[in-house]
Amino acid sequence: MSNSISTILIPTYNRPYHLLRLLHYYLTVNFDLKNQKFMVLDGSDTDSAVNQNTCQEVGIEYHHYGPDIPILERWLDGINRTETEFVSFLADDDILQADGYYDCLRFLETNPDYSTAHGNYVWLVDKEDNPLLYPGYQSFSIENDCPLERLFAFFSDYVPISYGVYRTKILKTAYEKTLSCTGTDNLHFSELVSGCIPVVLGKVKKLDANYYIKSVDTSNKNLSTLPSRPSIIYPKLVFAEDFSSRYTRIKNTLKELLSSRTNPDIIDDAIDYCFGVYYGKILNRNFVTEHFNRLLNSSP
């Protein structure tokens, strides 16, 4: 397998130290930069010259957008610039483990009905110069032949798959469709839709391999509160004035993608059930009570 079949996109924003540390002290040690393609997508309004110089020093492609270009548009532009068959994202403060990454590429090369592959996730907490590792949220495989069944499985036990390895054509479709139906100002819907479209278009494989180490905000003093999966929605989002119109656009986008892949007579109701199982799990009594009590306790 040639490593040059994949591109790793690195978004960054006003964090030159993180980018320097990632490029100089991790990527150059663990990846062959002559064969593995990287691309930095910089939205910084400061220190962009520093970031560009850092990339030039190690021979990594660099693009500066500035903060006025929305995040999703920067990411989509990076995907559009990608010329390799596979693509993935890497946050500038996280670690992508090379062995697990190449395991994912090998799997996708030999399994064309899969759109995405990923592995095990770990939280990294650098607490008072004492790095601690915790099991991250549980990633998963979704291998149903029916795309509606895959979509329901994805929403039934939702965890983000934003940092998986994707077929470039599929991820490009996902971000194009996401921007057209959610816009650029709602990261909740953007994450959900850009994640579920690849699930509609192909299967997802979770490999038993060390894959991604995600940094956790060190301001979190109570390590026992590290989540098994992140909560990315608050109840008030469902009651927002524009919820219905956004959901209608999302639903129409998914119906278009599903119409040639499954029974068109059941798609409309099936999509409602898929989102229903997601929001039903998030907005259960225990969840709402917990966050209501947190709100009261935070009040002076």
C-alpha atoms as a PDB file:
ATOM      1  CA  MET A   1       0.000   0.000   0.000  1.00  0.00           C
ATOM      2  CA  SER A   2       1.248   3.457  -0.854  1.00  0.00           C
ATOM      3  CA  ASN A   3       0.866   5.988   1.954  1.00  0.00           C
ATOM      4  CA  SER A   4       0.220   8.740  -0.600  1.00  0.00           C
ATOM      5  CA  ILE A   5      -3.347   7.528  -1.148  1.00  0.00           C
ATOM      6  CA  SER A   6      -4.484   9.609   1.843  1.00  0.00           C
ATOM      7  CA  THR A   7      -4.498  13.206   3.048  1.00  0.00           C
ATOM      8  CA  ILE A   8      -4.742  14.352   6.672  1.00  0.00           C
ATOM      9  CA  LEU A   9      -6.330  17.799   7.074  1.00  0.00           C
ATOM     10  CA  ILE A  10      -5.322  19.821  10.150  1.00  0.00           C
ATOM     11  CA  PRO A  11      -7.624  22.740  11.035  1.00  0.00           C
ATOM     12  CA  THR A  12      -6.098  25.332  13.358  1.00  0.00           C
ATOM     13  CA  TYR A  13      -7.130  28.675  14.838  1.00  0.00           C
ATOM     14  CA  ASN A  14      -4.900  31.065  16.812  1.00  0.00           C
ATOM     15  CA  ARG A  15      -2.876  28.256  18.412  1.00  0.00           C
ATOM     16  CA  PRO A  16       0.622  28.386  16.898  1.00  0.00           C
ATOM     17  CA  TYR A  17       2.166  26.468  19.796  1.00  0.00           C
ATOM     18  CA  HIS A  18      -0.238  23.543  19.318  1.00  0.00           C
ATOM     19  CA  LEU A  19       0.500  23.400  15.591  1.00  0.00           C
ATOM     20  CA  LEU A  20       4.264  23.645  16.147  1.00  0.00           C
ATOM     21  CA  ARG A  21       4.152  20.862  18.736  1.00  0.00           C
ATOM     22  CA  LEU A  22       2.038  18.623  16.502  1.00  0.00           C
ATOM     23  CA  LEU A  23       4.133  19.095  13.377  1.00  0.00           C
ATOM     24  CA  HIS A  24       7.629  19.145  14.828  1.00  0.00           C
ATOM     25  CA  TYR A  25       7.396  16.743  17.755  1.00  0.00           C
ATOM     26  CA  TYR A  26       4.835  14.190  16.607  1.00  0.00           C
ATOM     27  CA  LEU A  27       4.153  14.046  12.874  1.00  0.00           C
ATOM     28  CA  THR A  28       7.804  14.286  11.835  1.00  0.00           C
ATOM     29  CA  VAL A  29       8.635  11.417  14.203  1.00  0.00           C
ATOM     30  CA  ASN A  30       5.705   9.091  13.495  1.00  0.00           C
ATOM     31  CA  PHE A  31       4.898   9.688   9.811  1.00  0.00           C
ATOM     32  CA  ASP A  32       6.951   9.713   6.622  1.00  0.00           C
ATOM     33  CA  LEU A  33       6.170  13.244   5.433  1.00  0.00           C
ATOM     34  CA  LYS A  34       7.529  12.483   1.945  1.00  0.00           C
ATOM     35  CA  ASN A  35       4.818   9.877   1.370  1.00  0.00           C
ATOM     36  CA  GLN A  36       1.983  10.880   3.706  1.00  0.00           C
ATOM     37  CA  LYS A  37       0.200  14.065   2.623  1.00  0.00           C
ATOM     38  CA  PHE A  38      -0.811  16.666   5.223  1.00  0.00           C
ATOM     39  CA  MET A  39      -2.599  19.984   4.736  1.00  0.00           C
ATOM     40  CA  VAL A  40      -3.064  22.746   7.346  1.00  0.00           C
ATOM     41  CA  LEU A  41      -6.284  24.791   7.176  1.00  0.00           C
ATOM     42  CA  ASP A  42      -5.638  27.979   9.146  1.00  0.00           C
ATOM     43  CA  GLY A  43      -8.489  30.229  10.258  1.00  0.00           C
ATOM     44  CA  SER A  44      -6.270  32.364  12.512  1.00  0.00           C
ATOM     45  CA  ASP A  45      -6.565  36.132  12.658  1.00  0.00           C
ATOM     46  CA  THR A  46      -3.186  36.291  14.435  1.00  0.00           C
ATOM     47  CA  ASP A  47       0.058  34.349  14.073  1.00  0.00           C
ATOM     48  CA  SER A  48      -0.745  33.120  10.560  1.00  0.00           C
ATOM     49  CA  ALA A  49       2.791  34.000   9.450  1.00  0.00           C
ATOM     50  CA  VAL A  50       4.162  31.863  12.290  1.00  0.00           C
ATOM     51  CA  ASN A  51       1.951  28.954  11.249  1.00  0.00           C
ATOM     52  CA  GLN A  52       2.945  29.280   7.614  1.00  0.00           C
ATOM     53  CA  ASN A  53       6.620  29.278   8.544  1.00  0.00           C
ATOM     54  CA  THR A  54       6.112  26.187  10.726  1.00  0.00           C
ATOM     55  CA  CYS A  55       4.537  24.344   7.801  1.00  0.00           C
ATOM     56  CA  GLN A  56       7.283  25.422   5.400  1.00  0.00           C
ATOM     57  CA  GLU A  57       9.955  24.132   7.785  1.00  0.00           C
ATOM     58  CA  VAL A  58       8.556  20.600   7.653  1.00  0.00           C
ATOM     59  CA  GLY A  59       7.262  20.695   4.080  1.00  0.00           C
ATOM     60  CA  ILE A  60       3.508  20.598   4.776  1.00  0.00           C
ATOM     61  CA  GLU A  61       0.930  22.290   2.536  1.00  0.00           C
ATOM     62  CA  TYR A  62      -0.589  25.401   4.145  1.00  0.00           C
ATOM     63  CA  HIS A  63      -3.707  27.475   3.414  1.00  0.00           C
ATOM     64  CA  HIS A  64      -4.783  30.588   5.297  1.00  0.00           C
ATOM     65  CA  TYR A  65      -8.437  31.658   5.354  1.00  0.00           C
ATOM     66  CA  GLY A  66      -8.813  34.037   8.264  1.00  0.00           C
ATOM     67  CA  PRO A  67     -11.675  34.026  10.785  1.00  0.00           C
ATOM     68  CA  ASP A  68     -14.278  35.483   8.409  1.00  0.00           C
ATOM     69  CA  ILE A  69     -14.509  32.217   6.481  1.00  0.00           C
ATOM     70  CA  PRO A  70     -16.797  29.854   8.476  1.00  0.00           C
ATOM     71  CA  ILE A  71     -15.339  26.627   9.824  1.00  0.00           C
ATOM     72  CA  LEU A  72     -17.372  24.342   7.567  1.00  0.00           C
ATOM     73  CA  GLU A  73     -16.370  26.280   4.466  1.00  0.00           C
ATOM     74  CA  ARG A  74     -12.702  26.004   5.439  1.00  0.00           C
ATOM     75  CA  TRP A  75     -13.053  22.276   5.960  1.00  0.00           C
ATOM     76  CA  LEU A  76     -14.890  21.790   2.682  1.00  0.00           C
ATOM     77  CA  ASP A  77     -12.253  23.794   0.832  1.00  0.00           C
ATOM     78  CA  GLY A  78      -9.614  21.484   2.275  1.00  0.00           C
ATOM     79  CA  ILE A  79     -11.578  18.452   1.080  1.00  0.00           C
ATOM     80  CA  ASN A  80     -11.945  20.021  -2.374  1.00  0.00           C
ATOM     81  CA  ARG A  81      -8.171  20.528  -2.519  1.00  0.00           C
ATOM     82  CA  THR A  82      -7.591  16.877  -1.594  1.00  0.00           C
ATOM     83  CA  GLU A  83      -6.432  14.775  -4.541  1.00  0.00           C
ATOM     84  CA  THR A  84      -6.027  11.462  -2.714  1.00  0.00           C
ATOM     85  CA  GLU A  85      -8.592   8.662  -2.473  1.00  0.00           C
ATOM     86  CA  PHE A  86      -8.934   8.920   1.309  1.00  0.00           C
ATOM     87  CA  VAL A  87      -9.056  11.859   3.722  1.00  0.00           C
ATOM     88  CA  SER A  88      -9.321  12.502   7.449  1.00  0.00           C
ATOM     89  CA  PHE A  89      -9.195  15.370   9.946  1.00  0.00           C
ATOM     90  CA  LEU A  90      -6.778  15.834  12.835  1.00  0.00           C
ATOM     91  CA  ALA A  91      -7.246  18.577  15.442  1.00  0.00           C
ATOM     92  CA  ASP A  92      -4.112  20.570  16.182  1.00  0.00           C
ATOM     93  CA  ASP A  93      -4.074  19.503  19.855  1.00  0.00           C
ATOM     94  CA  ASP A  94      -4.843  15.805  19.281  1.00  0.00           C
ATOM     95  CA  ILE A  95      -2.772  12.772  18.269  1.00  0.00           C
ATOM     96  CA  LEU A  96      -3.508  10.424  15.381  1.00  0.00           C
ATOM     97  CA  GLN A  97      -1.779   7.087  15.967  1.00  0.00           C
ATOM     98  CA  ALA A  98      -0.019   6.010  12.795  1.00  0.00           C
ATOM     99  CA  ASP A  99      -0.463   2.235  13.109  1.00  0.00           C
ATOM    100  CA  GLY A 100      -4.208   2.506  13.669  1.00  0.00           C
ATOM    101  CA  TYR A 101      -4.538   5.053  10.894  1.00  0.00           C
ATOM    102  CA  TYR A 102      -2.860   2.810   8.338  1.00  0.00           C
ATOM    103  CA  ASP A 103      -4.930  -0.149   9.528  1.00  0.00           C
ATOM    104  CA  CYS A 104      -8.016   1.913   8.611  1.00  0.00           C
ATOM    105  CA  LEU A 105      -6.617   2.719   5.173  1.00  0.00           C
ATOM    106  CA  ARG A 106      -5.835  -0.910   4.462  1.00  0.00           C
ATOM    107  CA  PHE A 107      -9.343  -1.899   5.476  1.00  0.00           C
ATOM    108  CA  LEU A 108     -11.010   0.696   3.233  1.00  0.00           C
ATOM    109  CA  GLU A 109      -8.814  -0.280   0.295  1.00  0.00           C
ATOM    110  CA  THR A 110     -10.128  -3.842   0.403  1.00  0.00           C
ATOM    111  CA  ASN A 111     -13.745  -3.154   1.426  1.00  0.00           C
ATOM    112  CA  PRO A 112     -15.367  -0.820  -1.131  1.00  0.00           C
ATOM    113  CA  ASP A 113     -18.832  -0.901   0.482  1.00  0.00           C
ATOM    114  CA  TYR A 114     -17.479   0.919   3.561  1.00  0.00           C
ATOM    115  CA  SER A 115     -17.372   4.713   3.613  1.00  0.00           C
ATOM    116  CA  THR A 116     -15.552   5.162   6.915  1.00  0.00           C
ATOM    117  CA  ALA A 117     -13.151   3.375   9.236  1.00  0.00           C
ATOM    118  CA  HIS A 118     -11.849   4.308  12.672  1.00  0.00           C
ATOM    119  CA  GLY A 119     -10.664   2.699  15.903  1.00  0.00           C
ATOM    120  CA  ASN A 120     -10.293   3.225  19.626  1.00  0.00           C
ATOM    121  CA  TYR A 121     -10.403   6.711  21.146  1.00  0.00           C
ATOM    122  CA  VAL A 122      -8.611   7.867  24.299  1.00  0.00           C
ATOM    123  CA  TRP A 123      -8.912  11.054  26.362  1.00  0.00           C
ATOM    124  CA  LEU A 124      -5.629  12.774  27.248  1.00  0.00           C
ATOM    125  CA  VAL A 125      -5.677  15.012  30.332  1.00  0.00           C
ATOM    126  CA  ASP A 126      -2.478  16.940  30.994  1.00  0.00           C
ATOM    127  CA  LYS A 127      -3.206  17.727  34.633  1.00  0.00           C
ATOM    128  CA  GLU A 128      -0.449  19.675  36.381  1.00  0.00           C
ATOM    129  CA  ASP A 129       2.222  18.291  34.040  1.00  0.00           C
ATOM    130  CA  ASN A 130       1.061  14.749  34.761  1.00  0.00           C
ATOM    131  CA  PRO A 131      -0.489  13.320  31.568  1.00  0.00           C
ATOM    132  CA  LEU A 132      -3.372  10.946  32.253  1.00  0.00           C
ATOM    133  CA  LEU A 133      -5.104   8.674  29.747  1.00  0.00           C
ATOM    134  CA  TYR A 134      -8.734   7.603  30.024  1.00  0.00           C
ATOM    135  CA  PRO A 135     -10.886   5.443  27.750  1.00  0.00           C
ATOM    136  CA  GLY A 136     -12.733   7.701  25.326  1.00  0.00           C
ATOM    137  CA  TYR A 137     -16.218   7.338  23.952  1.00  0.00           C
ATOM    138  CA  GLN A 138     -16.941   3.929  22.513  1.00  0.00           C
ATOM    139  CA  SER A 139     -16.667   3.935  18.749  1.00  0.00           C
ATOM    140  CA  PHE A 140     -18.630   1.387  16.748  1.00  0.00           C
ATOM    141  CA  SER A 141     -19.204  -0.496  13.532  1.00  0.00           C
ATOM    142  CA  ILE A 142     -22.412  -0.031  11.546  1.00  0.00           C
ATOM    143  CA  GLU A 143     -22.556  -2.816   8.999  1.00  0.00           C
ATOM    144  CA  ASN A 144     -26.245  -3.222   8.124  1.00  0.00           C
ATOM    145  CA  ASP A 145     -26.930  -3.601   4.415  1.00  0.00           C
ATOM    146  CA  CYS A 146     -29.993  -1.322   4.618  1.00  0.00           C
ATOM    147  CA  PRO A 147     -29.050   2.392   4.766  1.00  0.00           C
ATOM    148  CA  LEU A 148     -32.091   3.205   6.924  1.00  0.00           C
ATOM    149  CA  GLU A 149     -31.038   0.587   9.440  1.00  0.00           C
ATOM    150  CA  ARG A 150     -27.536   2.080   9.479  1.00  0.00           C
ATOM    151  CA  LEU A 151     -28.964   5.559  10.027  1.00  0.00           C
ATOM    152  CA  PHE A 152     -31.136   4.346  12.917  1.00  0.00           C
ATOM    153  CA  ALA A 153     -28.166   2.543  14.492  1.00  0.00           C
ATOM    154  CA  PHE A 154     -26.033   5.688  14.157  1.00  0.00           C
ATOM    155  CA  PHE A 155     -28.588   7.840  15.985  1.00  0.00           C
ATOM    156  CA  SER A 156     -29.554   5.168  18.542  1.00  0.00           C
ATOM    157  CA  ASP A 157     -26.132   5.266  20.198  1.00  0.00           C
ATOM    158  CA  TYR A 158     -24.650   8.436  18.798  1.00  0.00           C
ATOM    159  CA  VAL A 159     -20.962   9.241  19.031  1.00  0.00           C
ATOM    160  CA  PRO A 160     -19.171  11.598  16.623  1.00  0.00           C
ATOM    161  CA  ILE A 161     -17.159  10.055  13.800  1.00  0.00           C
ATOM    162  CA  SER A 162     -15.720  13.353  12.577  1.00  0.00           C
ATOM    163  CA  TYR A 163     -12.129  12.131  12.865  1.00  0.00           C
ATOM    164  CA  GLY A 164     -12.516   8.811  11.076  1.00  0.00           C
ATOM    165  CA  VAL A 165     -10.847   7.948   7.773  1.00  0.00           C
ATOM    166  CA  TYR A 166     -13.202   8.583   4.836  1.00  0.00           C
ATOM    167  CA  ARG A 167     -13.411   8.052   1.133  1.00  0.00           C
ATOM    168  CA  THR A 168     -12.784  11.563  -0.158  1.00  0.00           C
ATOM    169  CA  LYS A 169     -15.713  11.579  -2.587  1.00  0.00           C
ATOM    170  CA  ILE A 170     -18.134  10.601   0.162  1.00  0.00           C
ATOM    171  CA  LEU A 171     -16.867  13.171   2.656  1.00  0.00           C
ATOM    172  CA  LYS A 172     -17.022  15.857  -0.030  1.00  0.00           C
ATOM    173  CA  THR A 173     -20.669  14.973  -0.679  1.00  0.00           C
ATOM    174  CA  ALA A 174     -21.348  15.010   3.065  1.00  0.00           C
ATOM    175  CA  TYR A 175     -19.960  18.513   3.586  1.00  0.00           C
ATOM    176  CA  GLU A 176     -21.520  19.948   0.448  1.00  0.00           C
ATOM    177  CA  LYS A 177     -24.933  18.634   1.447  1.00  0.00           C
ATOM    178  CA  THR A 178     -24.448  19.731   5.051  1.00  0.00           C
ATOM    179  CA  LEU A 179     -23.648  23.308   4.076  1.00  0.00           C
ATOM    180  CA  SER A 180     -26.625  23.474   1.731  1.00  0.00           C
ATOM    181  CA  CYS A 181     -29.153  22.332   4.325  1.00  0.00           C
ATOM    182  CA  THR A 182     -27.773  23.535   7.690  1.00  0.00           C
ATOM    183  CA  GLY A 183     -25.822  26.664   6.803  1.00  0.00           C
ATOM    184  CA  THR A 184     -22.681  27.646   8.670  1.00  0.00           C
ATOM    185  CA  ASP A 185     -24.027  28.934  11.988  1.00  0.00           C
ATOM    186  CA  ASN A 186     -25.249  25.766  13.720  1.00  0.00           C
ATOM    187  CA  LEU A 187     -22.465  23.362  14.649  1.00  0.00           C
ATOM    188  CA  HIS A 188     -24.898  20.959  16.316  1.00  0.00           C
ATOM    189  CA  PHE A 189     -26.763  20.197  13.099  1.00  0.00           C
ATOM    190  CA  SER A 190     -23.569  20.413  11.063  1.00  0.00           C
ATOM    191  CA  GLU A 191     -21.926  17.661  13.111  1.00  0.00           C
ATOM    192  CA  LEU A 192     -24.992  15.439  12.988  1.00  0.00           C
ATOM    193  CA  VAL A 193     -25.594  15.777   9.249  1.00  0.00           C
ATOM    194  CA  SER A 194     -21.954  15.553   8.127  1.00  0.00           C
ATOM    195  CA  GLY A 195     -21.712  12.408  10.252  1.00  0.00           C
ATOM    196  CA  CYS A 196     -24.901  10.682   9.149  1.00  0.00           C
ATOM    197  CA  ILE A 197     -24.520  11.206   5.380  1.00  0.00           C
ATOM    198  CA  PRO A 198     -21.467   8.897   5.129  1.00  0.00           C
ATOM    199  CA  VAL A 199     -23.496   6.344   7.128  1.00  0.00           C
ATOM    200  CA  VAL A 200     -26.242   6.546   4.503  1.00  0.00           C
ATOM    201  CA  LEU A 201     -23.713   6.197   1.663  1.00  0.00           C
ATOM    202  CA  GLY A 202     -21.709   3.304   3.111  1.00  0.00           C
ATOM    203  CA  LYS A 203     -20.916   1.110   6.087  1.00  0.00           C
ATOM    204  CA  VAL A 204     -18.758   2.117   9.060  1.00  0.00           C
ATOM    205  CA  LYS A 205     -15.998  -0.089  10.450  1.00  0.00           C
ATOM    206  CA  LYS A 206     -14.591   0.208  13.941  1.00  0.00           C
ATOM    207  CA  LEU A 207     -11.252  -1.588  14.166  1.00  0.00           C
ATOM    208  CA  ASP A 208      -9.798  -2.845  17.429  1.00  0.00           C
ATOM    209  CA  ALA A 209      -6.779  -0.605  17.032  1.00  0.00           C
ATOM    210  CA  ASN A 210      -5.360   2.380  18.900  1.00  0.00           C
ATOM    211  CA  TYR A 211      -6.432   5.213  16.660  1.00  0.00           C
ATOM    212  CA  TYR A 212      -7.027   8.675  18.141  1.00  0.00           C
ATOM    213  CA  ILE A 213      -5.968  10.475  21.323  1.00  0.00           C
ATOM    214  CA  LYS A 214      -8.135  13.493  22.053  1.00  0.00           C
ATOM    215  CA  SER A 215      -7.002  16.273  24.364  1.00  0.00           C
ATOM    216  CA  VAL A 216      -9.409  17.229  27.144  1.00  0.00           C
ATOM    217  CA  ASP A 217      -9.728  20.748  28.506  1.00  0.00           C
ATOM    218  CA  THR A 218      -7.453  20.891  31.545  1.00  0.00           C
ATOM    219  CA  SER A 219      -9.769  23.402  33.220  1.00  0.00           C
ATOM    220  CA  ASN A 220     -11.975  20.411  34.053  1.00  0.00           C
ATOM    221  CA  LYS A 221     -10.915  19.822  37.646  1.00  0.00           C
ATOM    222  CA  ASN A 222     -13.225  16.906  38.287  1.00  0.00           C
ATOM    223  CA  LEU A 223     -11.882  14.073  36.163  1.00  0.00           C
ATOM    224  CA  SER A 224     -14.780  11.844  37.197  1.00  0.00           C
ATOM    225  CA  THR A 225     -17.031  13.938  34.976  1.00  0.00           C
ATOM    226  CA  LEU A 226     -15.201  12.951  31.771  1.00  0.00           C
ATOM    227  CA  PRO A 227     -18.009  11.759  29.511  1.00  0.00           C
ATOM    228  CA  SER A 228     -18.282   8.337  27.906  1.00  0.00           C
ATOM    229  CA  ARG A 229     -19.592  10.261  24.911  1.00  0.00           C
ATOM    230  CA  PRO A 230     -19.944  14.017  24.500  1.00  0.00           C
ATOM    231  CA  SER A 231     -23.268  15.794  24.957  1.00  0.00           C
ATOM    232  CA  ILE A 232     -23.471  18.213  22.049  1.00  0.00           C
ATOM    233  CA  ILE A 233     -27.060  19.350  22.395  1.00  0.00           C
ATOM    234  CA  TYR A 234     -28.955  21.325  24.991  1.00  0.00           C
ATOM    235  CA  PRO A 235     -32.747  21.050  25.305  1.00  0.00           C
ATOM    236  CA  LYS A 236     -33.239  24.643  24.211  1.00  0.00           C
ATOM    237  CA  LEU A 237     -31.946  23.802  20.726  1.00  0.00           C
ATOM    238  CA  VAL A 238     -35.044  21.705  20.053  1.00  0.00           C
ATOM    239  CA  PHE A 239     -37.282  24.602  20.998  1.00  0.00           C
ATOM    240  CA  ALA A 240     -35.411  27.161  18.889  1.00  0.00           C
ATOM    241  CA  GLU A 241     -37.573  29.098  16.464  1.00  0.00           C
ATOM    242  CA  ASP A 242     -35.711  27.839  13.395  1.00  0.00           C
ATOM    243  CA  PHE A 243     -35.556  24.172  14.463  1.00  0.00           C
ATOM    244  CA  SER A 244     -38.464  23.105  12.255  1.00  0.00           C
ATOM    245  CA  SER A 245     -37.195  24.800   9.099  1.00  0.00           C
ATOM    246  CA  ARG A 246     -33.670  23.426   9.541  1.00  0.00           C
ATOM    247  CA  TYR A 247     -34.988  19.962  10.198  1.00  0.00           C
ATOM    248  CA  THR A 248     -37.154  20.096   7.072  1.00  0.00           C
ATOM    249  CA  ARG A 249     -34.109  20.965   4.941  1.00  0.00           C
ATOM    250  CA  ILE A 250     -32.062  18.187   6.540  1.00  0.00           C
ATOM    251  CA  LYS A 251     -34.851  15.693   6.023  1.00  0.00           C
ATOM    252  CA  ASN A 252     -35.236  16.620   2.346  1.00  0.00           C
ATOM    253  CA  THR A 253     -31.478  16.211   1.846  1.00  0.00           C
ATOM    254  CA  LEU A 254     -31.501  12.738   3.387  1.00  0.00           C
ATOM    255  CA  LYS A 255     -34.602  11.749   1.396  1.00  0.00           C
ATOM    256  CA  GLU A 256     -32.784  12.694  -1.806  1.00  0.00           C
ATOM    257  CA  LEU A 257     -29.793  10.513  -0.884  1.00  0.00           C
ATOM    258  CA  LEU A 258     -31.951   7.590   0.242  1.00  0.00           C
ATOM    259  CA  SER A 259     -34.524   7.594  -2.565  1.00  0.00           C
ATOM    260  CA  SER A 260     -32.548   5.271  -4.846  1.00  0.00           C
ATOM    261  CA  ARG A 261     -31.196   3.101  -2.020  1.00  0.00           C
ATOM    262  CA  THR A 262     -34.308   1.912  -0.174  1.00  0.00           C
ATOM    263  CA  ASN A 263     -38.106   1.786  -0.278  1.00  0.00           C
ATOM    264  CA  PRO A 264     -39.173   5.396  -0.984  1.00  0.00           C
ATOM    265  CA  ASP A 265     -42.581   4.825   0.637  1.00  0.00           C
ATOM    266  CA  ILE A 266     -41.112   4.536   4.132  1.00  0.00           C
ATOM    267  CA  ILE A 267     -38.246   7.058   3.980  1.00  0.00           C
ATOM    268  CA  ASP A 268     -40.197  10.031   5.359  1.00  0.00           C
ATOM    269  CA  ASP A 269     -41.370   8.294   8.539  1.00  0.00           C
ATOM    270  CA  ALA A 270     -38.097   6.389   8.946  1.00  0.00           C
ATOM    271  CA  ILE A 271     -36.048   9.604   9.068  1.00  0.00           C
ATOM    272  CA  ASP A 272     -38.392  10.992  11.741  1.00  0.00           C
ATOM    273  CA  TYR A 273     -37.868   7.846  13.819  1.00  0.00           C
ATOM    274  CA  CYS A 274     -34.084   8.101  13.397  1.00  0.00           C
ATOM    275  CA  PHE A 275     -33.963  11.647  14.725  1.00  0.00           C
ATOM    276  CA  GLY A 276     -36.609  10.778  17.287  1.00  0.00           C
ATOM    277  CA  VAL A 277     -34.478   8.057  18.873  1.00  0.00           C
ATOM    278  CA  TYR A 278     -31.539  10.491  19.060  1.00  0.00           C
ATOM    279  CA  TYR A 279     -33.434  13.357  20.664  1.00  0.00           C
ATOM    280  CA  GLY A 280     -35.420  10.981  22.857  1.00  0.00           C
ATOM    281  CA  LYS A 281     -32.194   9.656  24.345  1.00  0.00           C
ATOM    282  CA  ILE A 282     -30.755  13.119  24.886  1.00  0.00           C
ATOM    283  CA  LEU A 283     -33.896  14.726  26.304  1.00  0.00           C
ATOM    284  CA  ASN A 284     -34.843  12.030  28.800  1.00  0.00           C
ATOM    285  CA  ARG A 285     -35.885  12.926  32.321  1.00  0.00           C
ATOM    286  CA  ASN A 286     -32.547  12.071  33.953  1.00  0.00           C
ATOM    287  CA  PHE A 287     -30.525  14.094  31.461  1.00  0.00           C
ATOM    288  CA  VAL A 288     -32.720  17.176  31.743  1.00  0.00           C
ATOM    289  CA  THR A 289     -32.840  16.932  35.549  1.00  0.00           C
ATOM    290  CA  GLU A 290     -29.057  16.650  35.787  1.00  0.00           C
ATOM    291  CA  HIS A 291     -28.469  19.706  33.622  1.00  0.00           C
ATOM    292  CA  PHE A 292     -31.213  21.692  35.354  1.00  0.00           C
ATOM    293  CA  ASN A 293     -29.543  21.044  38.720  1.00  0.00           C
ATOM    294  CA  ARG A 294     -26.165  22.025  37.280  1.00  0.00           C
ATOM    295  CA  LEU A 295     -27.702  25.279  36.109  1.00  0.00           C
ATOM    296  CA  LEU A 296     -29.117  26.052  39.554  1.00  0.00           C
ATOM    297  CA  ASN A 297     -25.859  25.155  41.278  1.00  0.00           C
ATOM    298  CA  SER A 298     -23.892  27.453  38.975  1.00  0.00           C
ATOM    299  CA  SER A 299     -26.067  30.432  39.892  1.00  0.00           C
ATOM    300  CA  PRO A 300     -24.464  32.810  42.431  1.00  0.00           C
END
